[in-house]
Amino acid sequence: MKKDTGQNRAITSKWRTATQAVRGGTWRSEHGETSEALFLTSGYTYDDAETVAARFAGEPGMTYSRLQNPTVQMLEERIALLEGADAVRCQTTGMAAMTAALLCQLEQGDHVVAARAAFGSCRWLTDSLLPKFGITTTTIDSRDNDQWKAAIQPNTKVFFFETPANPTMDIVDMTYVCGLAREHGITTVVDNAFATSALQRPLEFGADVVAYSATKMMDGQGRVLAGAVAGSHDFINEKLLPFQRNTGPNLSPFNAWVVLKGLETLDLRIRRQSENAMLVGSFMEGRVKTILHPGLASHPQHNLAMSQMSACGPIFSFIVDDRKQAMALLNALQLIDISNNIGDSRSLMTHPATTTHHSVGPDARVAMGVEDGMLRLNVGLEDPQDLIEDIDQALRAVGL
C-alpha cells in the first residue's frame, strides 16, 4: 500500500500537535482515501515463500493481526507523535495496557513503589495480582516526595502512579519523582488517562513509560474500549512486544479506527471540557464540604498541577456529608448521567466507593482517601449553564 507523509517521521515530527492529531500516522492505499482505511483482516497473504520467511525473521511487513495491522499501526504512530514517544503499542483496554506495562518488565523478587490513589483495578494489580508472581509493592502517598525516596529498596524496579489520580485528584511532582527514579535505575510508568498528551506529556518530565485507557478522552464519546503504552524503542520492542505478541491483548482494527477519529477532535474537546469544568467547579466551591479540582486555587496542589498541565481537565471530585447524601444527590440529577465512565463528551457522575473502587475494600478506600461521601464528575460538552442548573437543583434537593 502507498504510504502518505503521515508515516514519514522526518516530516511529521516537525508538525504541530493539532496537525499531528489529524494527519499523523496516516497511510493511504492505491485508492487515495482521505479517511484512514479500516483493515478487518486476521491474516495476510504473500507473493512467495521467501517473503513470508523474511517477514517472520524480522523484515518489515504484515504477518498476523495479533502482531501488526495497518489500521492499528496508524493509531500507534499517531499516539506516538502526540506523546513525543519513540513507539507505541495499543491494547484492547486501558487495564490491558496497565497490566502489560507492568508484567512485561517485572519478575519474581522485584519490588514496585505505587501511589496510594489509583483507579480501583490498578490497585488490584499491585495489591492482588503482582503478589501471585512474587512481586511486592510498597504503597505510598504520592503527594509526598520524601515517601518515594524512603520506599526505594535494592530490588525496586518500577514507580507506578497516576497524575491526576482517580478519583482523589492527587498530583505527583513528575520532575522530582521521575528524576529520582532515573538516579536509581527505576522505570517510571505513568497513567496519563485523566489528562492525555493534549494537556500533559509525562515523557517531557522524565517519565519512561506512559500508559493509557484510550477508552476515555482519546475516543471521548463512549463508543469503544482501547488502551495504549508509549515509550522508547527499547522498551516497546524489547520488553513490551514479546509479552504482547505471546499473550495477545491486541486492539481490534475497528476500535483503532474509532479512536483515530476521536484523536482528530481531542484537543478541541478536552480544552472546552476543561473550560466547562472550571465554570462548574467554581460554582460548586463553597456549596459542598470539599472540592478536589486541580484547576481551582483551593486545591492543595494547584500550582504543581498547573505547572505540569496546560489546562485542568474535565474531571474533578467533591465530597458531601455521607454515602446517603451522595446517593440522594445522584438520584436528584436530571441532566447529568449516573455512569462510572469518564472522558465522555457527556457529563457523567459516579460514586467511587460503590463503583470504580468497590472491589478494593473499605480499608483500602480509607487509605486511598476515597470517602463514602465522595462523588466524581466528568464534565462534558453540554452548555455549562445547563450543568450548573442541574447540579444546583440536585444540591438543593439534598439540603446543600
Foldseek 3Di string as FASTA:
>chain_A
DAADCLDVCVPLLPDDLLCLLQRHLAGDDPVRDRAHDQDQDFADDDPDPVVQVVVVVPDDDGGGVLQDDSLQRSLFRSLCSLQVFATKAKFQALVVQLLLLPVLPDAAPAEEEEELFAFQVNVCCQPPVVVVRNYHYDYDHQLDLVVLVVPDDLRYAEYEYEQLGPALNRHHLLLSNLVVCVVNNHAYEYEDAQARSLWFRSVVSNHAKYKYFLCAQLLQANDHTMIMMGHYPCCCVVRRSVVSSVPRRHHGSVVSSSSSVSSSCSNVWFVLLLVLQVVLQVLCVPLAPFWQFLCDPPHPCVVSSVVGTVGRTNKIKTFHDALVLQVQLQVQFDQEDDDPGARHQGKYKYQCCVPRNVVVDDVSCVVNVRGSRMMMIGGHNDDSVVVNVRSVRSSVVSPD
